[in-house]
Structure formats: structure tokens, C-alpha cells
PDB file of N, CA and C in Angstrom:
ATOM      1  N   MET A   1      13.212  -0.535  -7.367  1.00  0.00           N
ATOM      2  CA  MET A   1      12.673   0.861  -6.710  1.00  0.00           C
ATOM      3  C   MET A   1      11.811   0.228  -5.459  1.00  0.00           C
ATOM      4  N   VAL A   2      12.054   0.823  -4.192  1.00  0.00           N
ATOM      5  CA  VAL A   2      11.757   0.359  -2.991  1.00  0.00           C
ATOM      6  C   VAL A   2      10.719   1.189  -2.550  1.00  0.00           C
ATOM      7  N   TYR A   3       9.361   0.577  -2.249  1.00  0.00           N
ATOM      8  CA  TYR A   3       8.373   1.595  -1.302  1.00  0.00           C
ATOM      9  C   TYR A   3       8.371   1.949  -0.056  1.00  0.00           C
ATOM     10  N   ARG A   4       8.493   2.708   0.822  1.00  0.00           N
ATOM     11  CA  ARG A   4       8.186   2.767   2.133  1.00  0.00           C
ATOM     12  C   ARG A   4       6.967   3.928   2.589  1.00  0.00           C
ATOM     13  N   VAL A   5       6.507   3.601   3.950  1.00  0.00           N
ATOM     14  CA  VAL A   5       5.581   4.386   4.304  1.00  0.00           C
ATOM     15  C   VAL A   5       5.866   5.749   4.483  1.00  0.00           C
ATOM     16  N   SER A   6       5.400   6.862   4.189  1.00  0.00           N
ATOM     17  CA  SER A   6       5.751   8.218   4.734  1.00  0.00           C
ATOM     18  C   SER A   6       5.461   8.376   6.041  1.00  0.00           C
ATOM     19  N   SER A   7       5.716   7.912   7.311  1.00  0.00           N
ATOM     20  CA  SER A   7       5.380   8.083   8.297  1.00  0.00           C
ATOM     21  C   SER A   7       5.028   9.537   8.881  1.00  0.00           C
ATOM     22  N   GLU A   8       5.940  10.538   8.231  1.00  0.00           N
ATOM     23  CA  GLU A   8       5.189  11.794   8.833  1.00  0.00           C
ATOM     24  C   GLU A   8       4.400  12.410   7.997  1.00  0.00           C
ATOM     25  N   ARG A   9       3.879  11.854   6.992  1.00  0.00           N
ATOM     26  CA  ARG A   9       2.443  12.574   6.334  1.00  0.00           C
ATOM     27  C   ARG A   9       1.432  11.534   6.479  1.00  0.00           C
ATOM     28  N   VAL A  10       1.258  10.513   7.423  1.00  0.00           N
ATOM     29  CA  VAL A  10       0.221   9.504   7.316  1.00  0.00           C
ATOM     30  C   VAL A  10       0.074   9.031   8.575  1.00  0.00           C
ATOM     31  N   LEU A  11      -1.395   9.067   8.751  1.00  0.00           N
ATOM     32  CA  LEU A  11      -1.703   8.204   9.666  1.00  0.00           C
ATOM     33  C   LEU A  11      -2.845   7.201   9.478  1.00  0.00           C
ATOM     34  N   PHE A  12      -2.751   5.877  10.345  1.00  0.00           N
ATOM     35  CA  PHE A  12      -3.777   4.520   9.821  1.00  0.00           C
ATOM     36  C   PHE A  12      -4.135   4.348  10.705  1.00  0.00           C
ATOM     37  N   ARG A  13      -5.025   3.746  10.309  1.00  0.00           N
ATOM     38  CA  ARG A  13      -5.786   2.799  11.632  1.00  0.00           C
ATOM     39  C   ARG A  13      -6.312   1.578  11.406  1.00  0.00           C
ATOM     40  N   TYR A  14      -6.565   0.420  11.667  1.00  0.00           N
ATOM     41  CA  TYR A  14      -6.906  -0.867  11.093  1.00  0.00           C
ATOM     42  C   TYR A  14      -8.648  -0.929  11.574  1.00  0.00           C
ATOM     43  N   VAL A  15      -9.557  -1.035  11.058  1.00  0.00           N
ATOM     44  CA  VAL A  15     -10.986  -1.448  11.259  1.00  0.00           C
ATOM     45  C   VAL A  15     -11.408  -2.261  10.550  1.00  0.00           C
ATOM     46  N   ASP A  16     -12.137  -3.312  11.120  1.00  0.00           N
ATOM     47  CA  ASP A  16     -12.821  -4.637  10.372  1.00  0.00           C
ATOM     48  C   ASP A  16     -12.161  -5.303   9.478  1.00  0.00           C
ATOM     49  N   GLY A  17     -10.569  -5.261   9.456  1.00  0.00           N
ATOM     50  CA  GLY A  17     -10.019  -6.030   8.734  1.00  0.00           C
ATOM     51  C   GLY A  17      -9.290  -5.109   7.392  1.00  0.00           C
ATOM     52  N   GLU A  18     -10.267  -3.581   7.494  1.00  0.00           N
ATOM     53  CA  GLU A  18      -9.742  -2.589   6.242  1.00  0.00           C
ATOM     54  C   GLU A  18      -8.608  -1.674   7.093  1.00  0.00           C
ATOM     55  N   THR A  19      -8.036  -0.532   6.056  1.00  0.00           N
ATOM     56  CA  THR A  19      -7.403   0.356   6.942  1.00  0.00           C
ATOM     57  C   THR A  19      -7.816   1.477   6.292  1.00  0.00           C
ATOM     58  N   VAL A  20      -8.034   2.268   7.052  1.00  0.00           N
ATOM     59  CA  VAL A  20      -8.009   3.936   7.145  1.00  0.00           C
ATOM     60  C   VAL A  20      -6.965   4.639   7.174  1.00  0.00           C
ATOM     61  N   LEU A  21      -6.408   5.311   5.872  1.00  0.00           N
ATOM     62  CA  LEU A  21      -5.353   6.421   6.073  1.00  0.00           C
ATOM     63  C   LEU A  21      -5.692   7.490   6.209  1.00  0.00           C
ATOM     64  N   ILE A  22      -4.884   8.531   7.020  1.00  0.00           N
ATOM     65  CA  ILE A  22      -5.273  10.178   6.583  1.00  0.00           C
ATOM     66  C   ILE A  22      -4.166  10.732   6.047  1.00  0.00           C
ATOM     67  N   ASN A  23      -4.195  11.610   5.393  1.00  0.00           N
ATOM     68  CA  ASN A  23      -2.767  12.172   5.146  1.00  0.00           C
ATOM     69  C   ASN A  23      -2.915  13.483   5.768  1.00  0.00           C
ATOM     70  N   THR A  24      -1.517  13.911   6.688  1.00  0.00           N
ATOM     71  CA  THR A  24      -1.851  14.663   7.666  1.00  0.00           C
ATOM     72  C   THR A  24      -1.870  16.024   7.106  1.00  0.00           C
ATOM     73  N   LYS A  25      -1.161  16.278   5.838  1.00  0.00           N
ATOM     74  CA  LYS A  25      -0.886  17.520   5.133  1.00  0.00           C
ATOM     75  C   LYS A  25      -2.159  17.969   4.559  1.00  0.00           C
ATOM     76  N   THR A  26      -3.038  16.804   4.129  1.00  0.00           N
ATOM     77  CA  THR A  26      -4.591  17.420   3.467  1.00  0.00           C
ATOM     78  C   THR A  26      -5.861  17.337   4.431  1.00  0.00           C
ATOM     79  N   SER A  27      -5.508  16.341   5.095  1.00  0.00           N
ATOM     80  CA  SER A  27      -6.495  15.692   5.703  1.00  0.00           C
ATOM     81  C   SER A  27      -7.531  15.010   5.054  1.00  0.00           C
ATOM     82  N   TYR A  28      -7.295  14.447   3.707  1.00  0.00           N
ATOM     83  CA  TYR A  28      -8.035  13.505   3.242  1.00  0.00           C
ATOM     84  C   TYR A  28      -7.901  12.289   4.086  1.00  0.00           C
ATOM     85  N   TYR A  29      -8.754  11.308   3.888  1.00  0.00           N
ATOM     86  CA  TYR A  29      -8.653  10.183   4.057  1.00  0.00           C
ATOM     87  C   TYR A  29      -8.865   8.894   3.258  1.00  0.00           C
ATOM     88  N   TYR A  30      -8.613   8.080   3.183  1.00  0.00           N
ATOM     89  CA  TYR A  30      -8.504   6.873   2.027  1.00  0.00           C
ATOM     90  C   TYR A  30      -9.020   5.686   3.049  1.00  0.00           C
ATOM     91  N   SER A  31      -9.345   4.775   2.185  1.00  0.00           N
ATOM     92  CA  SER A  31      -9.803   3.414   3.007  1.00  0.00           C
ATOM     93  C   SER A  31      -9.292   2.472   2.106  1.00  0.00           C
ATOM     94  N   LEU A  32      -8.686   1.388   2.573  1.00  0.00           N
ATOM     95  CA  LEU A  32      -7.965   0.301   1.862  1.00  0.00           C
ATOM     96  C   LEU A  32      -8.780  -1.103   2.299  1.00  0.00           C
ATOM     97  N   ASN A  33      -8.975  -2.128   1.184  1.00  0.00           N
ATOM     98  CA  ASN A  33      -9.552  -2.998   1.394  1.00  0.00           C
ATOM     99  C   ASN A  33      -8.648  -4.134   1.729  1.00  0.00           C
ATOM    100  N   ARG A  34      -9.256  -5.388   2.015  1.00  0.00           N
ATOM    101  CA  ARG A  34      -8.327  -6.777   2.097  1.00  0.00           C
ATOM    102  C   ARG A  34      -7.098  -6.365   1.674  1.00  0.00           C
ATOM    103  N   VAL A  35      -7.004  -6.613   0.614  1.00  0.00           N
ATOM    104  CA  VAL A  35      -5.853  -6.722  -0.211  1.00  0.00           C
ATOM    105  C   VAL A  35      -4.798  -5.559   0.343  1.00  0.00           C
ATOM    106  N   GLY A  36      -5.142  -4.230   0.137  1.00  0.00           N
ATOM    107  CA  GLY A  36      -4.809  -2.957   0.241  1.00  0.00           C
ATOM    108  C   GLY A  36      -4.149  -3.146   1.696  1.00  0.00           C
ATOM    109  N   THR A  37      -4.936  -3.678   2.563  1.00  0.00           N
ATOM    110  CA  THR A  37      -4.193  -3.831   3.905  1.00  0.00           C
ATOM    111  C   THR A  37      -3.287  -4.332   4.315  1.00  0.00           C
ATOM    112  N   PHE A  38      -3.078  -5.763   3.558  1.00  0.00           N
ATOM    113  CA  PHE A  38      -2.014  -6.478   3.576  1.00  0.00           C
ATOM    114  C   PHE A  38      -0.722  -5.955   2.648  1.00  0.00           C
ATOM    115  N   VAL A  39      -1.034  -5.188   2.063  1.00  0.00           N
ATOM    116  CA  VAL A  39       0.306  -4.639   0.983  1.00  0.00           C
ATOM    117  C   VAL A  39       0.750  -3.256   1.990  1.00  0.00           C
ATOM    118  N   TRP A  40      -0.096  -2.768   3.024  1.00  0.00           N
ATOM    119  CA  TRP A  40      -0.190  -1.740   3.992  1.00  0.00           C
ATOM    120  C   TRP A  40       0.810  -2.182   4.561  1.00  0.00           C
ATOM    121  N   ASN A  41       0.303  -3.126   5.557  1.00  0.00           N
ATOM    122  CA  ASN A  41       0.713  -3.928   6.339  1.00  0.00           C
ATOM    123  C   ASN A  41       2.515  -4.178   6.063  1.00  0.00           C
ATOM    124  N   MET A  42       2.700  -4.580   4.881  1.00  0.00           N
ATOM    125  CA  MET A  42       4.084  -5.011   4.405  1.00  0.00           C
ATOM    126  C   MET A  42       4.700  -3.759   4.218  1.00  0.00           C
ATOM    127  N   LEU A  43       4.499  -3.023   3.934  1.00  0.00           N
ATOM    128  CA  LEU A  43       4.643  -1.576   3.589  1.00  0.00           C
ATOM    129  C   LEU A  43       5.284  -0.880   4.856  1.00  0.00           C
ATOM    130  N   THR A  44       4.493  -1.389   6.332  1.00  0.00           N
ATOM    131  CA  THR A  44       4.782  -0.539   7.377  1.00  0.00           C
ATOM    132  C   THR A  44       6.217  -1.390   8.396  1.00  0.00           C
ATOM    133  N   GLU A  45       5.923  -2.488   7.767  1.00  0.00           N
ATOM    134  CA  GLU A  45       7.297  -3.269   8.194  1.00  0.00           C
ATOM    135  C   GLU A  45       7.997  -2.849   7.836  1.00  0.00           C
ATOM    136  N   LYS A  46       8.697  -2.787   6.386  1.00  0.00           N
ATOM    137  CA  LYS A  46      10.413  -2.205   5.814  1.00  0.00           C
ATOM    138  C   LYS A  46       9.530  -1.680   4.394  1.00  0.00           C
ATOM    139  N   GLY A  47      10.371  -1.359   3.547  1.00  0.00           N
ATOM    140  CA  GLY A  47      10.436  -0.831   2.545  1.00  0.00           C
ATOM    141  C   GLY A  47      10.322  -2.259   1.337  1.00  0.00           C
ATOM    142  N   ARG A  48       9.455  -2.563   0.791  1.00  0.00           N
ATOM    143  CA  ARG A  48       9.578  -3.382  -0.365  1.00  0.00           C
ATOM    144  C   ARG A  48       9.630  -3.169  -1.889  1.00  0.00           C
ATOM    145  N   THR A  49       9.835  -3.761  -2.720  1.00  0.00           N
ATOM    146  CA  THR A  49       9.739  -3.622  -4.049  1.00  0.00           C
ATOM    147  C   THR A  49       8.561  -4.336  -4.866  1.00  0.00           C
ATOM    148  N   PRO A  50       8.038  -3.871  -5.612  1.00  0.00           N
ATOM    149  CA  PRO A  50       6.485  -3.870  -6.229  1.00  0.00           C
ATOM    150  C   PRO A  50       6.411  -5.551  -6.444  1.00  0.00           C
ATOM    151  N   ALA A  51       7.864  -6.152  -7.071  1.00  0.00           N
ATOM    152  CA  ALA A  51       8.088  -7.740  -7.112  1.00  0.00           C
ATOM    153  C   ALA A  51       7.777  -8.271  -5.924  1.00  0.00           C
ATOM    154  N   GLU A  52       8.290  -7.859  -4.687  1.00  0.00           N
ATOM    155  CA  GLU A  52       7.942  -8.576  -3.479  1.00  0.00           C
ATOM    156  C   GLU A  52       6.358  -8.487  -2.791  1.00  0.00           C
ATOM    157  N   LEU A  53       6.035  -7.703  -3.281  1.00  0.00           N
ATOM    158  CA  LEU A  53       4.781  -6.917  -2.879  1.00  0.00           C
ATOM    159  C   LEU A  53       3.791  -8.063  -3.735  1.00  0.00           C
ATOM    160  N   LEU A  54       4.081  -8.221  -5.084  1.00  0.00           N
ATOM    161  CA  LEU A  54       3.337  -9.027  -6.044  1.00  0.00           C
ATOM    162  C   LEU A  54       3.107 -10.684  -5.745  1.00  0.00           C
ATOM    163  N   ARG A  55       4.825 -11.038  -5.425  1.00  0.00           N
ATOM    164  CA  ARG A  55       4.497 -12.509  -4.781  1.00  0.00           C
ATOM    165  C   ARG A  55       3.977 -12.575  -3.828  1.00  0.00           C
ATOM    166  N   ALA A  56       3.946 -11.889  -2.932  1.00  0.00           N
ATOM    167  CA  ALA A  56       3.381 -11.951  -1.264  1.00  0.00           C
ATOM    168  C   ALA A  56       1.375 -12.270  -1.727  1.00  0.00           C
ATOM    169  N   ILE A  57       1.344 -11.312  -2.473  1.00  0.00           N
ATOM    170  CA  ILE A  57      -0.148 -10.998  -3.296  1.00  0.00           C
ATOM    171  C   ILE A  57      -0.540 -12.163  -3.652  1.00  0.00           C
ATOM    172  N   GLN A  58       0.398 -12.797  -4.382  1.00  0.00           N
ATOM    173  CA  GLN A  58      -0.370 -13.793  -5.385  1.00  0.00           C
ATOM    174  C   GLN A  58      -0.329 -15.265  -4.355  1.00  0.00           C
ATOM    175  N   LYS A  59       1.219 -15.374  -3.633  1.00  0.00           N
ATOM    176  CA  LYS A  59       1.287 -16.553  -2.347  1.00  0.00           C
ATOM    177  C   LYS A  59      -0.089 -16.350  -1.238  1.00  0.00           C
ATOM    178  N   GLU A  60      -0.571 -15.305  -1.082  1.00  0.00           N
ATOM    179  CA  GLU A  60      -1.713 -15.001  -0.011  1.00  0.00           C
ATOM    180  C   GLU A  60      -2.960 -15.465  -0.566  1.00  0.00           C
ATOM    181  N   TYR A  61      -3.799 -14.704  -1.826  1.00  0.00           N
ATOM    182  CA  TYR A  61      -4.942 -14.431  -2.601  1.00  0.00           C
ATOM    183  C   TYR A  61      -5.197 -15.462  -3.873  1.00  0.00           C
ATOM    184  N   SER A  62      -3.572 -15.396  -4.190  1.00  0.00           N
ATOM    185  CA  SER A  62      -3.693 -16.524  -5.857  1.00  0.00           C
ATOM    186  C   SER A  62      -4.788 -15.947  -6.364  1.00  0.00           C
ATOM    187  N   PRO A  63      -4.355 -14.630  -7.356  1.00  0.00           N
ATOM    188  CA  PRO A  63      -5.421 -13.939  -7.855  1.00  0.00           C
ATOM    189  C   PRO A  63      -4.790 -14.149  -9.322  1.00  0.00           C
ATOM    190  N   PRO A  64      -5.356 -13.690 -10.327  1.00  0.00           N
ATOM    191  CA  PRO A  64      -4.456 -13.561 -11.651  1.00  0.00           C
ATOM    192  C   PRO A  64      -3.607 -12.600 -11.578  1.00  0.00           C
ATOM    193  N   LYS A  65      -2.192 -12.837 -12.107  1.00  0.00           N
ATOM    194  CA  LYS A  65      -1.146 -12.172 -12.160  1.00  0.00           C
ATOM    195  C   LYS A  65      -1.376 -11.222 -12.778  1.00  0.00           C
ATOM    196  N   ASP A  66      -2.112 -10.928 -13.464  1.00  0.00           N
ATOM    197  CA  ASP A  66      -2.124  -9.554 -14.580  1.00  0.00           C
ATOM    198  C   ASP A  66      -2.892  -8.661 -13.674  1.00  0.00           C
ATOM    199  N   ALA A  67      -4.245  -9.068 -13.089  1.00  0.00           N
ATOM    200  CA  ALA A  67      -4.960  -8.241 -12.457  1.00  0.00           C
ATOM    201  C   ALA A  67      -4.112  -7.852 -11.405  1.00  0.00           C
ATOM    202  N   ALA A  68      -3.477  -8.671 -10.713  1.00  0.00           N
ATOM    203  CA  ALA A  68      -3.008  -8.385  -9.601  1.00  0.00           C
ATOM    204  C   ALA A  68      -1.718  -7.402  -9.656  1.00  0.00           C
ATOM    205  N   ALA A  69      -0.899  -7.753 -10.712  1.00  0.00           N
ATOM    206  CA  ALA A  69      -0.072  -6.631 -10.951  1.00  0.00           C
ATOM    207  C   ALA A  69      -0.158  -5.347 -11.334  1.00  0.00           C
ATOM    208  N   ARG A  70      -1.771  -5.103 -12.289  1.00  0.00           N
ATOM    209  CA  ARG A  70      -2.239  -3.802 -12.315  1.00  0.00           C
ATOM    210  C   ARG A  70      -2.838  -3.196 -11.108  1.00  0.00           C
ATOM    211  N   ASP A  71      -3.407  -3.937 -10.670  1.00  0.00           N
ATOM    212  CA  ASP A  71      -4.091  -3.442  -9.000  1.00  0.00           C
ATOM    213  C   ASP A  71      -2.809  -2.935  -8.537  1.00  0.00           C
ATOM    214  N   LEU A  72      -1.987  -3.723  -8.159  1.00  0.00           N
ATOM    215  CA  LEU A  72      -0.502  -3.203  -7.162  1.00  0.00           C
ATOM    216  C   LEU A  72      -0.130  -1.726  -7.923  1.00  0.00           C
ATOM    217  N   GLU A  73      -0.022  -2.028  -9.225  1.00  0.00           N
ATOM    218  CA  GLU A  73       0.726  -1.091  -9.742  1.00  0.00           C
ATOM    219  C   GLU A  73      -0.214   1.037  -9.518  1.00  0.00           C
ATOM    220  N   ASN A  74      -2.006   0.228  -9.720  1.00  0.00           N
ATOM    221  CA  ASN A  74      -2.672   1.760  -9.265  1.00  0.00           C
ATOM    222  C   ASN A  74      -2.755   2.043  -7.872  1.00  0.00           C
ATOM    223  N   LEU A  75      -2.390   0.536  -7.248  1.00  0.00           N
ATOM    224  CA  LEU A  75      -2.433   1.102  -5.682  1.00  0.00           C
ATOM    225  C   LEU A  75      -1.272   2.054  -5.356  1.00  0.00           C
ATOM    226  N   LEU A  76      -0.258   1.066  -5.587  1.00  0.00           N
ATOM    227  CA  LEU A  76       1.333   2.597  -5.014  1.00  0.00           C
ATOM    228  C   LEU A  76       0.979   3.548  -5.968  1.00  0.00           C
ATOM    229  N   HIS A  77       0.916   4.086  -7.313  1.00  0.00           N
ATOM    230  CA  HIS A  77       0.807   5.017  -7.692  1.00  0.00           C
ATOM    231  C   HIS A  77      -0.277   6.150  -7.021  1.00  0.00           C
ATOM    232  N   ASP A  78      -1.335   5.836  -7.083  1.00  0.00           N
ATOM    233  CA  ASP A  78      -2.270   6.335  -5.775  1.00  0.00           C
ATOM    234  C   ASP A  78      -1.763   6.878  -4.369  1.00  0.00           C
ATOM    235  N   LEU A  79      -0.777   6.109  -3.920  1.00  0.00           N
ATOM    236  CA  LEU A  79      -0.508   6.267  -2.300  1.00  0.00           C
ATOM    237  C   LEU A  79       0.726   7.018  -2.746  1.00  0.00           C
ATOM    238  N   LYS A  80       1.445   6.802  -3.469  1.00  0.00           N
ATOM    239  CA  LYS A  80       3.200   7.850  -4.166  1.00  0.00           C
ATOM    240  C   LYS A  80       2.466   9.273  -4.262  1.00  0.00           C
ATOM    241  N   LYS A  81       1.205   9.140  -5.525  1.00  0.00           N
ATOM    242  CA  LYS A  81       0.943  10.642  -5.594  1.00  0.00           C
ATOM    243  C   LYS A  81       0.488  11.242  -4.530  1.00  0.00           C
ATOM    244  N   GLU A  82      -0.334  10.674  -3.246  1.00  0.00           N
ATOM    245  CA  GLU A  82      -0.840  11.429  -2.404  1.00  0.00           C
ATOM    246  C   GLU A  82       0.213  11.281  -1.313  1.00  0.00           C
ATOM    247  N   GLY A  83       1.419  11.180  -1.046  1.00  0.00           N
ATOM    248  CA  GLY A  83       2.600  11.196  -0.457  1.00  0.00           C
ATOM    249  C   GLY A  83       2.503  10.249   1.083  1.00  0.00           C
ATOM    250  N   LEU A  84       1.784   9.418   0.710  1.00  0.00           N
ATOM    251  CA  LEU A  84       1.706   8.345   1.669  1.00  0.00           C
ATOM    252  C   LEU A  84       2.692   7.428   1.747  1.00  0.00           C
ATOM    253  N   VAL A  85       3.215   6.915   0.383  1.00  0.00           N
ATOM    254  CA  VAL A  85       4.408   5.984   0.159  1.00  0.00           C
ATOM    255  C   VAL A  85       5.310   6.802  -0.493  1.00  0.00           C
ATOM    256  N   ILE A  86       6.679   6.797   0.179  1.00  0.00           N
ATOM    257  CA  ILE A  86       7.405   6.961  -0.844  1.00  0.00           C
ATOM    258  C   ILE A  86       8.964   6.349  -1.579  1.00  0.00           C
ATOM    259  N   PRO A  87       8.666   6.369  -3.249  1.00  0.00           N
ATOM    260  CA  PRO A  87       9.887   5.636  -3.314  1.00  0.00           C
ATOM    261  C   PRO A  87      11.412   5.708  -3.254  1.00  0.00           C
ATOM    262  N   GLU A  88      11.971   4.864  -2.934  1.00  0.00           N
ATOM    263  CA  GLU A  88      13.492   5.015  -3.059  1.00  0.00           C
ATOM    264  C   GLU A  88      14.267   3.970  -3.947  1.00  0.00           C
ATOM    265  N   GLU A  89      15.264   4.487  -4.535  1.00  0.00           N
ATOM    266  CA  GLU A  89      16.020   3.554  -5.150  1.00  0.00           C
ATOM    267  C   GLU A  89      17.011   2.703  -4.307  1.00  0.00           C
TER     268      GLU A  89
END
């Protein structure tokens, strides 16, 4: 499964190394930390699989694999639930 940014449903801006996302349908806003911003940047470039994202996170930040995988899964779940990213087969 590949995830891509839902460009028609989200506006975003980078502020002091973090990302602020605004859901254009609900007007809710979200803040991503440094690693979340790293993931978001990758998703804005092109669709990515969770495995590609996890490898990039591990290469860039060297976190424990289990924790990184869990955090990435939670982030993608939340972004998908809010309609900010779209999964594609």
C-alpha cells in the first residue's frame, strides 16, 4: 500500500522545523514534530509505502526499529483517519 498526501484536503506550512497541517474540510489543525515532518516531506514528494518510510526514518534518525514502526503506523493511521493522506493499492 502506498500513501500519498490528499492535496485537496490539507494545507500545510513549515514552522521552526515542524509542520502545521490544516484539514480544509474540518478546519482542525495538527502539528508534526521533527520526525513527523520528515515523513510528511517524503509523502509530499510522492507516494510512499510504510516500509520505504520506515527505512528512511531509520537511516536518518537511527531509532529502535520497533518503536519507529509503531510510531509510524500510528502517524499514518491518524493522518488517514483525518483524510490528510490517502492509501492506494
